[in-house]
């Protein structure tokens, strides 16, 4: 799965919102991010699939999708009468 520059900028903005310290601007960091994705992206996708991580645009596909998963409905144990 390819993560585009706009997705990257949204991630940077989210980190900024939570006060993550930035050493570079998004424009300076983008080429480095792309290099890391090339080096580690496939491994990260395999790990995310193996642990069945929550689906996200930056972490690849999963064995199941949220639409295919349906939680069990708990038994209604409220008192009657």
C-alpha atoms as a PDB file:
ATOM      1  CA  UNK A   1       0.000   0.000   0.000  1.00  0.00           C
ATOM      2  CA  UNK A   2       1.416   3.355  -0.981  1.00  0.00           C
ATOM      3  CA  UNK A   3       1.236   6.201   1.482  1.00  0.00           C
ATOM      4  CA  UNK A   4       1.132   9.545  -0.264  1.00  0.00           C
ATOM      5  CA  UNK A   5       2.449  12.934   0.759  1.00  0.00           C
ATOM      6  CA  UNK A   6      -0.996  14.175   1.840  1.00  0.00           C
ATOM      7  CA  UNK A   7      -1.355  11.165   4.183  1.00  0.00           C
ATOM      8  CA  UNK A   8       2.130  11.889   5.522  1.00  0.00           C
ATOM      9  CA  UNK A   9       1.186  15.528   6.182  1.00  0.00           C
ATOM     10  CA  UNK A  10      -1.928  14.431   8.097  1.00  0.00           C
ATOM     11  CA  UNK A  11       0.270  12.185  10.262  1.00  0.00           C
ATOM     12  CA  UNK A  12       2.746  15.002  10.895  1.00  0.00           C
ATOM     13  CA  UNK A  13      -0.094  17.326  11.863  1.00  0.00           C
ATOM     14  CA  UNK A  14      -1.473  14.735  14.257  1.00  0.00           C
ATOM     15  CA  UNK A  15       1.927  14.366  15.924  1.00  0.00           C
ATOM     16  CA  UNK A  16       2.187  18.171  16.165  1.00  0.00           C
ATOM     17  CA  UNK A  17      -1.277  18.310  17.767  1.00  0.00           C
ATOM     18  CA  UNK A  18      -0.096  15.972  20.525  1.00  0.00           C
ATOM     19  CA  UNK A  19       3.102  17.930  21.117  1.00  0.00           C
ATOM     20  CA  UNK A  20       5.574  15.541  19.517  1.00  0.00           C
ATOM     21  CA  UNK A  21       8.879  17.408  19.162  1.00  0.00           C
ATOM     22  CA  UNK A  22       9.851  17.987  15.525  1.00  0.00           C
ATOM     23  CA  UNK A  23      13.466  18.293  14.422  1.00  0.00           C
ATOM     24  CA  UNK A  24      12.666  18.860  10.732  1.00  0.00           C
ATOM     25  CA  UNK A  25       9.878  20.342   8.679  1.00  0.00           C
ATOM     26  CA  UNK A  26       7.522  17.948   6.919  1.00  0.00           C
ATOM     27  CA  UNK A  27       9.142  18.885   3.608  1.00  0.00           C
ATOM     28  CA  UNK A  28      12.615  17.983   4.945  1.00  0.00           C
ATOM     29  CA  UNK A  29      11.398  14.756   6.551  1.00  0.00           C
ATOM     30  CA  UNK A  30       9.427  13.421   3.557  1.00  0.00           C
ATOM     31  CA  UNK A  31      12.416  12.010   1.564  1.00  0.00           C
ATOM     32  CA  UNK A  32      13.743  10.288   4.701  1.00  0.00           C
ATOM     33  CA  UNK A  33      10.303   8.866   5.470  1.00  0.00           C
ATOM     34  CA  UNK A  34      10.097   7.460   1.940  1.00  0.00           C
ATOM     35  CA  UNK A  35      13.487   5.793   2.367  1.00  0.00           C
ATOM     36  CA  UNK A  36      12.387   4.187   5.620  1.00  0.00           C
ATOM     37  CA  UNK A  37       9.184   2.959   3.993  1.00  0.00           C
ATOM     38  CA  UNK A  38      11.216   1.258   1.269  1.00  0.00           C
ATOM     39  CA  UNK A  39      13.528  -0.371   3.806  1.00  0.00           C
ATOM     40  CA  UNK A  40      10.991  -1.401   6.432  1.00  0.00           C
ATOM     41  CA  UNK A  41       7.502  -1.148   4.907  1.00  0.00           C
ATOM     42  CA  UNK A  42       7.186  -4.789   3.849  1.00  0.00           C
ATOM     43  CA  UNK A  43       8.370  -6.032   7.240  1.00  0.00           C
ATOM     44  CA  UNK A  44       5.964  -3.693   9.038  1.00  0.00           C
ATOM     45  CA  UNK A  45       3.052  -4.951   6.906  1.00  0.00           C
ATOM     46  CA  UNK A  46       3.930  -8.580   7.673  1.00  0.00           C
ATOM     47  CA  UNK A  47       4.159  -7.859  11.409  1.00  0.00           C
ATOM     48  CA  UNK A  48       0.854  -5.972  11.390  1.00  0.00           C
ATOM     49  CA  UNK A  49      -0.822  -8.863   9.574  1.00  0.00           C
ATOM     50  CA  UNK A  50       0.697 -11.490  11.873  1.00  0.00           C
ATOM     51  CA  UNK A  51      -0.572  -9.753  14.992  1.00  0.00           C
ATOM     52  CA  UNK A  52      -3.811  -8.748  13.217  1.00  0.00           C
ATOM     53  CA  UNK A  53      -3.314  -5.084  14.145  1.00  0.00           C
ATOM     54  CA  UNK A  54      -6.079  -2.533  13.757  1.00  0.00           C
ATOM     55  CA  UNK A  55      -6.389  -1.561  10.059  1.00  0.00           C
ATOM     56  CA  UNK A  56      -4.750   1.744   9.148  1.00  0.00           C
ATOM     57  CA  UNK A  57      -3.622   3.318   5.866  1.00  0.00           C
ATOM     58  CA  UNK A  58       0.055   3.230   6.880  1.00  0.00           C
ATOM     59  CA  UNK A  59       0.220  -0.351   8.117  1.00  0.00           C
ATOM     60  CA  UNK A  60      -1.125  -2.418   5.233  1.00  0.00           C
ATOM     61  CA  UNK A  61      -3.899  -4.976   4.680  1.00  0.00           C
ATOM     62  CA  UNK A  62      -5.263  -7.482   7.205  1.00  0.00           C
ATOM     63  CA  UNK A  63      -6.611 -11.032   7.152  1.00  0.00           C
ATOM     64  CA  UNK A  64     -10.053  -9.750   8.094  1.00  0.00           C
ATOM     65  CA  UNK A  65     -11.866  -6.509   7.542  1.00  0.00           C
ATOM     66  CA  UNK A  66     -14.072  -4.737  10.019  1.00  0.00           C
ATOM     67  CA  UNK A  67     -17.092  -5.380   7.811  1.00  0.00           C
ATOM     68  CA  UNK A  68     -16.358  -9.136   7.847  1.00  0.00           C
ATOM     69  CA  UNK A  69     -15.991  -9.210  11.623  1.00  0.00           C
ATOM     70  CA  UNK A  70     -19.060  -9.281  13.809  1.00  0.00           C
ATOM     71  CA  UNK A  71     -18.773  -9.401  17.589  1.00  0.00           C
ATOM     72  CA  UNK A  72     -20.854 -11.843  19.587  1.00  0.00           C
ATOM     73  CA  UNK A  73     -23.909 -10.315  21.191  1.00  0.00           C
ATOM     74  CA  UNK A  74     -23.826 -10.845  24.955  1.00  0.00           C
ATOM     75  CA  UNK A  75     -26.695 -12.679  26.588  1.00  0.00           C
ATOM     76  CA  UNK A  76     -29.249 -10.331  28.141  1.00  0.00           C
ATOM     77  CA  UNK A  77     -28.962 -11.077  31.849  1.00  0.00           C
ATOM     78  CA  UNK A  78     -31.110  -8.254  33.198  1.00  0.00           C
ATOM     79  CA  UNK A  79     -33.444  -9.341  36.025  1.00  0.00           C
ATOM     80  CA  UNK A  80     -37.039  -9.951  35.030  1.00  0.00           C
ATOM     81  CA  UNK A  81     -40.191  -9.416  37.055  1.00  0.00           C
END
